[in-house]
Amino acid sequence: MNGFVTIKHLEYCQALNCYFSMFFRNKLFPHGYSSCLDGFISVLSSKVSEVAALKRLIRIQHMASPSNFSTVPVSEFILICFPNFQSWQHWLSLPLSFLFLLAMGANATLLITIQLEASLHEPMYYLLSFLSLLDIVLCLTVIPKVLAIFWFDLRSISFSACFLQMFIMNSFLTMESCTFMVMAYDRYIAICHPLQYPSIITDQFVARAAIFVVARNGLLTMPIPILSSQLRYCSRNIIKNCICTNMSVSKLSCDDITFNQLYQFVIGWTLLGSDLILIVLSYSFILKAVLRIKAEGAAAKALGTCGSHFILILFFSTVLLVLVITNLARKRIPPDVPILLNILHHLIPPALNPIVYGMRTKEIKQGIQKLLRRLLEMK
């Protein structure tokens, strides 16, 4: 290549020198002048064509660079569920539909029962109602869109709807974790300080706790969809997921997403981690207090009041931990596995929460029986 450039360079210099020497000699050698002029024009033309080809090559490389895609605003995204196993979608929709109906029906029944049964108008059941509301909103945000993709192939989702779904998923997930923490504190006061329970855990306490849960988690998770919505998506809008998670969406951007990922990581672990630490501390104090009880059967009764809550926390934490591990080991497992676990995490806990409490809590079970009798009498 260097030899080629050198030869071309010498030919160009010789032709240019010959041309100007003939010119200043006042055309003493017209034949030589004509020959030099032809050589100069030939070499100059080849140089012009080389420069044009080089410009075209640079332009093609510039357009192919990831940082120089078209910045046409993206108006919608396309959700591709289970890219490697799309033939399973119709079969998978059957159990998902069943779990969705179960979650909606069970939580609605629990809310109506607590509302109609006067004996359940207590702080602990108000917290349970708040948890059911969070579960219903999470289910309605995620599952109907997933089923619409499976049944009707409605893969598109608008730009604003995608980031609204992202905000609800992030904020309500942390709200649910924070509600478990408040419920653990409720059980701690009930068992470790039973005489002070009526004065500490009041209706006003539940109202303030609900405001704290919504404000803390809503405000701290709001920057996640805001940061993602401000990125340039360079006309790429295919999301390889069933839902608009921050990682799936931000990967489409041609901007640097380091701060976006770092903020979600820090906020997620700060909120969920602090809740988990406080839950563990509450139950360690509860266990310590129960072990001091010497009355026969009293310890079992005290732990029984925490059984339903502890089961739900354990299941919620286990599913979340499995989801985190699968995302960290994404390169070693099929990409469809984290997608499925993410969907189930928004579906199975909402379906199990009211069932566990309904089966293990005597007052709720009696309230549901009364509700069913009222419905039968109306018929």
Protein backbone atom coordinates (compact mmCIF):
# COMPACT_ATOMS: atom_id res chain seq x y z
CA MET A 1 0.00 0.00 0.00
CA ASN A 2 2.86 2.41 0.83
CA GLY A 3 4.49 1.64 -2.52
CA PHE A 4 1.25 2.39 -4.34
CA VAL A 5 0.89 5.74 -2.62
CA THR A 6 4.54 6.65 -3.35
CA ILE A 7 4.25 5.83 -7.08
CA LYS A 8 1.04 7.87 -7.38
CA HIS A 9 2.67 10.72 -5.51
CA LEU A 10 5.73 10.71 -7.86
CA GLU A 11 3.54 10.56 -10.96
CA TYR A 12 1.55 13.52 -9.69
CA CYS A 13 4.69 15.57 -8.92
CA GLN A 14 6.31 14.76 -12.28
CA ALA A 15 3.20 15.70 -14.23
CA LEU A 16 2.76 18.93 -12.27
CA ASN A 17 6.45 19.84 -12.71
CA CYS A 18 6.32 19.10 -16.44
CA TYR A 19 3.15 21.16 -16.86
CA PHE A 20 4.47 24.27 -15.16
CA SER A 21 7.90 24.04 -16.85
CA MET A 22 6.22 23.94 -20.29
CA PHE A 23 3.98 26.84 -19.28
CA PHE A 24 6.77 29.15 -18.13
CA ARG A 25 8.93 28.26 -21.10
CA ASN A 26 6.23 29.77 -23.22
CA LYS A 27 5.35 26.50 -24.92
CA LEU A 28 8.73 25.97 -26.55
CA PHE A 29 7.92 22.27 -26.86
CA PRO A 30 4.25 22.03 -27.72
CA HIS A 31 4.28 18.25 -28.13
CA GLY A 32 5.95 17.85 -24.76
CA TYR A 33 3.51 20.32 -23.28
CA SER A 34 0.54 18.39 -24.61
CA SER A 35 1.96 15.14 -23.28
CA CYS A 36 2.61 16.64 -19.85
CA LEU A 37 -0.82 18.22 -19.73
CA ASP A 38 -2.49 14.91 -20.57
CA GLY A 39 -0.46 13.17 -17.89
CA PHE A 40 -1.31 15.84 -15.33
CA ILE A 41 -5.04 15.65 -16.08
CA SER A 42 -4.97 11.84 -15.93
CA VAL A 43 -3.21 11.76 -12.58
CA LEU A 44 -5.40 14.56 -11.19
CA SER A 45 -8.57 12.71 -12.26
CA SER A 46 -7.43 9.52 -10.57
CA LYS A 47 -6.73 11.50 -7.41
CA VAL A 48 -10.19 13.09 -7.49
CA SER A 49 -11.83 9.69 -7.89
CA GLU A 50 -9.77 8.29 -4.99
CA VAL A 51 -10.80 11.18 -2.72
CA ALA A 52 -14.48 10.70 -3.67
CA ALA A 53 -14.26 6.97 -2.93
CA LEU A 54 -12.58 7.72 0.39
CA LYS A 55 -15.35 10.17 1.30
CA ARG A 56 -18.00 7.55 0.49
CA LEU A 57 -16.21 4.98 2.67
CA ILE A 58 -15.98 7.40 5.59
CA ARG A 59 -19.66 8.28 5.24
CA ILE A 60 -20.67 4.59 5.25
CA GLN A 61 -18.57 3.89 8.34
CA HIS A 62 -19.95 6.97 10.05
CA MET A 63 -23.53 5.87 9.41
CA ALA A 64 -22.79 2.32 10.60
CA SER A 65 -21.33 3.49 13.89
CA PRO A 66 -23.68 2.73 16.90
CA SER A 67 -23.27 6.28 18.15
CA ASN A 68 -24.52 7.80 14.88
CA PHE A 69 -27.83 6.08 14.25
CA SER A 70 -30.76 8.17 13.24
CA THR A 71 -32.13 10.04 16.21
CA VAL A 72 -35.73 10.00 14.99
CA PRO A 73 -37.93 10.03 18.14
CA VAL A 74 -39.35 6.63 19.06
CA SER A 75 -43.14 6.77 19.46
CA GLU A 76 -43.65 3.14 20.50
CA PHE A 77 -41.82 -0.03 21.47
CA ILE A 78 -42.32 -3.61 20.28
CA LEU A 79 -42.33 -6.29 23.00
CA ILE A 80 -40.91 -9.67 21.95
CA CYS A 81 -41.84 -12.23 24.60
CA PHE A 82 -39.63 -15.30 24.86
CA PRO A 83 -37.57 -14.74 21.68
CA ASN A 84 -36.35 -18.35 21.61
CA PHE A 85 -39.63 -20.09 22.53
CA GLN A 86 -42.46 -18.07 21.00
CA SER A 87 -44.36 -21.27 20.18
CA TRP A 88 -44.93 -21.80 23.91
CA GLN A 89 -46.83 -18.56 24.38
CA HIS A 90 -50.34 -19.94 23.80
CA TRP A 91 -49.77 -22.81 26.24
CA LEU A 92 -48.18 -20.55 28.81
CA SER A 93 -51.14 -18.18 28.66
CA LEU A 94 -53.41 -20.80 30.28
CA PRO A 95 -51.70 -21.03 33.71
CA LEU A 96 -50.98 -17.29 33.65
CA SER A 97 -54.65 -16.55 33.04
CA PHE A 98 -55.65 -18.85 35.89
CA LEU A 99 -53.19 -17.20 38.30
CA PHE A 100 -54.31 -13.74 37.19
CA LEU A 101 -58.00 -14.52 37.82
CA LEU A 102 -57.09 -16.14 41.12
CA ALA A 103 -55.06 -13.10 42.23
CA MET A 104 -57.75 -10.61 41.26
CA GLY A 105 -60.57 -12.65 42.77
CA ALA A 106 -58.78 -13.46 46.02
CA ASN A 107 -57.63 -9.89 46.64
CA ALA A 108 -61.04 -8.45 45.77
CA THR A 109 -62.70 -10.92 48.15
CA LEU A 110 -60.28 -9.99 50.93
CA LEU A 111 -60.88 -6.26 50.43
CA ILE A 112 -64.67 -6.65 50.42
CA THR A 113 -64.56 -8.90 53.49
CA ILE A 114 -62.45 -6.44 55.50
CA GLN A 115 -64.67 -3.57 54.37
CA LEU A 116 -67.96 -5.25 55.32
CA GLU A 117 -66.90 -7.08 58.48
CA ALA A 118 -66.77 -4.67 61.42
CA SER A 119 -64.62 -7.02 63.52
CA LEU A 120 -61.84 -6.68 60.93
CA HIS A 121 -61.64 -2.91 61.22
CA GLU A 122 -58.27 -3.05 62.96
CA PRO A 123 -54.82 -1.71 62.01
CA MET A 124 -53.40 -5.12 61.13
CA TYR A 125 -56.19 -5.78 58.62
CA TYR A 126 -55.93 -2.26 57.22
CA LEU A 127 -52.29 -2.99 56.43
CA LEU A 128 -53.36 -6.24 54.79
CA SER A 129 -55.90 -4.29 52.70
CA PHE A 130 -53.16 -1.90 51.63
CA LEU A 131 -51.02 -4.86 50.56
CA SER A 132 -53.93 -6.25 48.53
CA LEU A 133 -54.36 -2.92 46.75
CA LEU A 134 -50.68 -2.92 45.79
CA ASP A 135 -51.00 -6.49 44.48
CA ILE A 136 -54.05 -5.61 42.37
CA VAL A 137 -52.32 -2.60 40.78
CA LEU A 138 -49.19 -4.66 40.01
CA CYS A 139 -51.25 -7.41 38.37
CA LEU A 140 -53.29 -4.98 36.29
CA THR A 141 -50.13 -3.19 35.17
CA VAL A 142 -48.26 -6.26 33.92
CA ILE A 143 -50.43 -9.31 33.22
CA PRO A 144 -53.17 -7.94 30.86
CA LYS A 145 -50.49 -6.69 28.44
CA VAL A 146 -48.66 -10.02 28.59
CA LEU A 147 -51.88 -11.93 27.85
CA ALA A 148 -52.70 -9.51 25.00
CA ILE A 149 -49.34 -10.37 23.44
CA PHE A 150 -49.94 -14.10 23.85
CA TRP A 151 -53.53 -14.13 22.57
CA PHE A 152 -53.80 -11.30 20.04
CA ASP A 153 -50.15 -10.60 19.15
CA LEU A 154 -50.52 -6.98 20.35
CA ARG A 155 -46.82 -6.39 20.83
CA SER A 156 -46.68 -2.61 20.50
CA ILE A 157 -46.74 -0.32 23.53
CA SER A 158 -46.61 3.46 23.38
CA PHE A 159 -43.58 5.38 24.60
CA SER A 160 -45.43 6.95 27.55
CA ALA A 161 -47.24 3.72 28.50
CA CYS A 162 -43.94 1.83 28.58
CA PHE A 163 -42.35 4.23 31.06
CA LEU A 164 -45.54 4.43 33.12
CA GLN A 165 -45.44 0.64 33.42
CA MET A 166 -41.77 0.85 34.40
CA PHE A 167 -42.55 3.37 37.14
CA ILE A 168 -45.44 1.35 38.59
CA MET A 169 -43.43 -1.88 38.62
CA ASN A 170 -40.41 -0.30 40.33
CA SER A 171 -42.33 1.81 42.84
CA PHE A 172 -45.02 -0.73 43.78
CA LEU A 173 -42.51 -3.52 44.20
CA THR A 174 -40.60 -1.47 46.77
CA MET A 175 -43.90 -0.33 48.31
CA GLU A 176 -44.81 -3.98 48.86
CA SER A 177 -41.47 -4.63 50.52
CA CYS A 178 -41.92 -1.57 52.74
CA THR A 179 -45.44 -2.73 53.68
CA PHE A 180 -44.02 -6.06 54.82
CA MET A 181 -41.57 -4.11 56.97
CA VAL A 182 -44.43 -2.10 58.59
CA MET A 183 -46.36 -5.33 59.19
CA ALA A 184 -43.29 -6.85 60.84
CA TYR A 185 -43.12 -3.82 63.14
CA ASP A 186 -46.81 -4.31 63.93
CA ARG A 187 -46.15 -7.93 64.98
CA TYR A 188 -43.09 -6.83 66.99
CA ILE A 189 -45.15 -4.36 69.04
CA ALA A 190 -47.99 -6.86 69.46
CA ILE A 191 -45.72 -9.57 70.91
CA CYS A 192 -42.87 -7.66 72.58
CA HIS A 193 -44.95 -4.72 73.91
CA PRO A 194 -48.55 -5.98 74.07
CA LEU A 195 -49.70 -3.41 76.64
CA GLN A 196 -48.54 -0.52 74.48
CA TYR A 197 -49.94 -1.96 71.24
CA PRO A 198 -53.34 -0.13 71.33
CA SER A 199 -51.66 3.23 71.87
CA ILE A 200 -48.91 2.76 69.25
CA ILE A 201 -50.60 0.85 66.42
CA THR A 202 -53.63 3.01 65.75
CA ASP A 203 -55.62 4.00 62.67
CA GLN A 204 -53.57 7.19 62.51
CA PHE A 205 -50.39 5.10 62.56
CA VAL A 206 -51.64 3.07 59.58
CA ALA A 207 -52.51 6.25 57.66
CA ARG A 208 -49.09 7.78 58.32
CA ALA A 209 -47.40 4.50 57.44
CA ALA A 210 -49.28 4.31 54.12
CA ILE A 211 -48.27 7.90 53.26
CA PHE A 212 -44.66 7.11 54.16
CA VAL A 213 -44.67 3.94 52.02
CA VAL A 214 -46.08 5.73 48.97
CA ALA A 215 -43.95 8.88 49.31
CA ARG A 216 -40.61 7.17 50.01
CA ASN A 217 -40.81 4.58 47.27
CA GLY A 218 -42.63 6.72 44.73
CA LEU A 219 -40.21 9.65 44.94
CA LEU A 220 -37.01 7.59 45.07
CA THR A 221 -37.95 5.30 42.15
CA MET A 222 -39.40 8.06 39.96
CA PRO A 223 -35.97 9.07 38.50
CA ILE A 224 -35.55 5.58 36.99
CA PRO A 225 -38.20 5.96 34.24
CA ILE A 226 -37.40 9.67 33.90
CA LEU A 227 -33.73 8.95 33.18
CA SER A 228 -34.67 6.20 30.71
CA SER A 229 -37.20 8.41 28.90
CA GLN A 230 -34.53 11.11 28.35
CA LEU A 231 -32.21 8.73 26.47
CA ARG A 232 -31.89 8.74 22.67
CA TYR A 233 -33.15 5.47 21.21
CA CYS A 234 -31.79 5.91 17.66
CA SER A 235 -34.88 4.39 16.01
CA ARG A 236 -34.35 1.04 17.79
CA ASN A 237 -37.56 -0.02 19.53
CA ILE A 238 -37.54 -3.85 19.80
CA ILE A 239 -37.61 -4.91 23.48
CA LYS A 240 -36.73 -8.55 24.08
CA ASN A 241 -39.04 -8.86 27.06
CA CYS A 242 -42.73 -9.05 27.87
CA ILE A 243 -42.64 -5.95 30.06
CA CYS A 244 -40.82 -2.62 30.08
CA THR A 245 -38.07 -3.24 32.60
CA ASN A 246 -35.43 -0.54 32.89
CA MET A 247 -32.57 -2.77 31.77
CA SER A 248 -34.44 -4.11 28.72
CA VAL A 249 -35.44 -0.63 27.55
CA SER A 250 -32.27 1.33 28.31
CA LYS A 251 -30.15 -1.22 26.40
CA LEU A 252 -31.77 0.07 23.20
CA SER A 253 -30.32 3.53 23.73
CA CYS A 254 -27.25 4.76 21.90
CA ASP A 255 -26.35 6.96 24.89
CA ASP A 256 -24.26 6.04 27.90
CA ILE A 257 -26.54 4.27 30.42
CA THR A 258 -23.98 3.82 33.21
CA PHE A 259 -25.60 6.37 35.53
CA ASN A 260 -29.06 4.94 34.81
CA GLN A 261 -27.98 1.42 35.76
CA LEU A 262 -26.01 2.64 38.79
CA TYR A 263 -28.96 4.62 40.16
CA GLN A 264 -31.34 1.68 39.84
CA PHE A 265 -28.82 -0.65 41.48
CA VAL A 266 -28.14 1.68 44.43
CA ILE A 267 -31.79 2.64 45.01
CA GLY A 268 -33.06 -0.93 44.60
CA TRP A 269 -30.63 -2.44 47.08
CA THR A 270 -30.98 0.49 49.48
CA LEU A 271 -34.78 0.28 49.66
CA LEU A 272 -35.18 -3.49 49.56
CA GLY A 273 -32.07 -4.09 51.67
CA SER A 274 -33.09 -1.70 54.44
CA ASP A 275 -36.58 -3.21 54.56
CA LEU A 276 -35.15 -6.72 54.79
CA ILE A 277 -32.75 -5.74 57.58
CA LEU A 278 -35.56 -4.20 59.63
CA ILE A 279 -37.77 -7.26 59.05
CA VAL A 280 -34.99 -9.58 60.24
CA LEU A 281 -34.39 -7.42 63.31
CA SER A 282 -38.12 -7.40 64.15
CA TYR A 283 -38.40 -11.17 63.95
CA SER A 284 -35.20 -11.70 65.90
CA PHE A 285 -36.67 -9.63 68.75
CA ILE A 286 -39.97 -11.52 68.40
CA LEU A 287 -38.22 -14.87 68.60
CA LYS A 288 -36.19 -13.73 71.59
CA ALA A 289 -39.35 -12.60 73.40
CA VAL A 290 -41.24 -15.81 72.56
CA LEU A 291 -38.45 -18.00 73.92
CA ARG A 292 -38.79 -16.25 77.28
CA ILE A 293 -42.48 -17.16 77.57
CA LYS A 294 -42.84 -20.06 80.03
CA ALA A 295 -46.62 -20.52 79.88
CA GLU A 296 -47.64 -23.71 78.11
CA GLY A 297 -48.95 -23.08 74.60
CA ALA A 298 -48.36 -19.32 74.79
CA ALA A 299 -45.23 -19.44 72.65
CA ALA A 300 -46.96 -21.41 69.90
CA LYS A 301 -49.91 -19.01 69.95
CA ALA A 302 -47.61 -16.00 69.73
CA LEU A 303 -45.70 -17.46 66.78
CA GLY A 304 -49.00 -18.43 65.14
CA THR A 305 -49.96 -14.77 64.85
CA CYS A 306 -46.76 -14.18 62.84
CA GLY A 307 -46.92 -17.36 60.75
CA SER A 308 -48.86 -15.97 57.77
CA HIS A 309 -46.79 -12.81 57.61
CA PHE A 310 -43.52 -14.72 57.86
CA ILE A 311 -44.54 -17.14 55.07
CA LEU A 312 -45.38 -14.27 52.71
CA ILE A 313 -42.13 -12.44 53.46
CA LEU A 314 -40.13 -15.62 52.94
CA PHE A 315 -41.82 -16.33 49.63
CA PHE A 316 -41.51 -12.72 48.42
CA SER A 317 -37.80 -12.60 49.30
CA THR A 318 -37.08 -16.03 47.81
CA VAL A 319 -38.67 -15.23 44.44
CA LEU A 320 -36.90 -11.86 44.34
CA LEU A 321 -33.56 -13.47 45.20
CA VAL A 322 -33.98 -16.09 42.46
CA LEU A 323 -34.84 -13.35 39.99
CA VAL A 324 -31.70 -11.37 40.91
CA ILE A 325 -29.47 -14.45 40.65
CA THR A 326 -30.84 -15.40 37.23
CA ASN A 327 -30.24 -11.86 35.95
CA LEU A 328 -26.66 -11.91 37.24
CA ALA A 329 -26.08 -15.31 35.59
CA ARG A 330 -27.78 -14.25 32.36
CA LYS A 331 -24.91 -15.53 30.19
CA ARG A 332 -25.16 -19.07 31.61
CA ILE A 333 -28.92 -19.58 31.31
CA PRO A 334 -31.41 -19.13 28.46
CA PRO A 335 -32.59 -15.49 28.17
CA ASP A 336 -36.24 -16.59 28.42
CA VAL A 337 -35.83 -17.81 32.02
CA PRO A 338 -35.39 -14.33 33.62
CA ILE A 339 -38.34 -13.08 31.53
CA LEU A 340 -40.60 -15.84 32.85
CA LEU A 341 -39.45 -15.35 36.46
CA ASN A 342 -40.07 -11.62 36.18
CA ILE A 343 -43.66 -12.25 35.08
CA LEU A 344 -44.25 -14.82 37.83
CA HIS A 345 -42.85 -12.47 40.46
CA HIS A 346 -45.61 -9.99 39.56
CA LEU A 347 -48.25 -12.72 39.65
CA ILE A 348 -47.64 -15.50 42.18
CA PRO A 349 -47.19 -13.38 45.36
CA PRO A 350 -50.40 -11.41 44.64
CA ALA A 351 -52.24 -14.70 44.16
CA LEU A 352 -50.87 -16.30 47.34
CA ASN A 353 -50.98 -13.36 49.78
CA PRO A 354 -54.76 -13.30 50.37
CA ILE A 355 -55.02 -17.11 50.26
CA VAL A 356 -52.38 -17.61 52.96
CA TYR A 357 -53.94 -14.99 55.21
CA GLY A 358 -57.45 -16.30 54.52
CA MET A 359 -56.53 -19.89 55.41
CA ARG A 360 -54.38 -19.11 58.46
CA THR A 361 -56.31 -16.21 60.04
CA LYS A 362 -59.45 -17.25 61.87
CA GLU A 363 -61.09 -13.81 61.76
CA ILE A 364 -60.66 -13.46 58.00
CA LYS A 365 -61.93 -16.99 57.41
CA GLN A 366 -65.06 -16.26 59.44
CA GLY A 367 -65.55 -12.96 57.60
CA ILE A 368 -65.38 -14.71 54.21
CA GLN A 369 -67.92 -17.29 55.37
CA LYS A 370 -70.30 -14.51 56.42
CA LEU A 371 -69.83 -12.81 53.05
CA LEU A 372 -70.68 -16.03 51.21
CA ARG A 373 -73.80 -16.52 53.33
CA ARG A 374 -74.93 -12.99 52.49
CA LEU A 375 -74.50 -13.66 48.80
CA LEU A 376 -76.47 -16.90 49.03
CA GLU A 377 -79.26 -15.18 50.93
CA MET A 378 -79.48 -12.46 48.26
CA LYS A 379 -80.11 -15.16 45.65
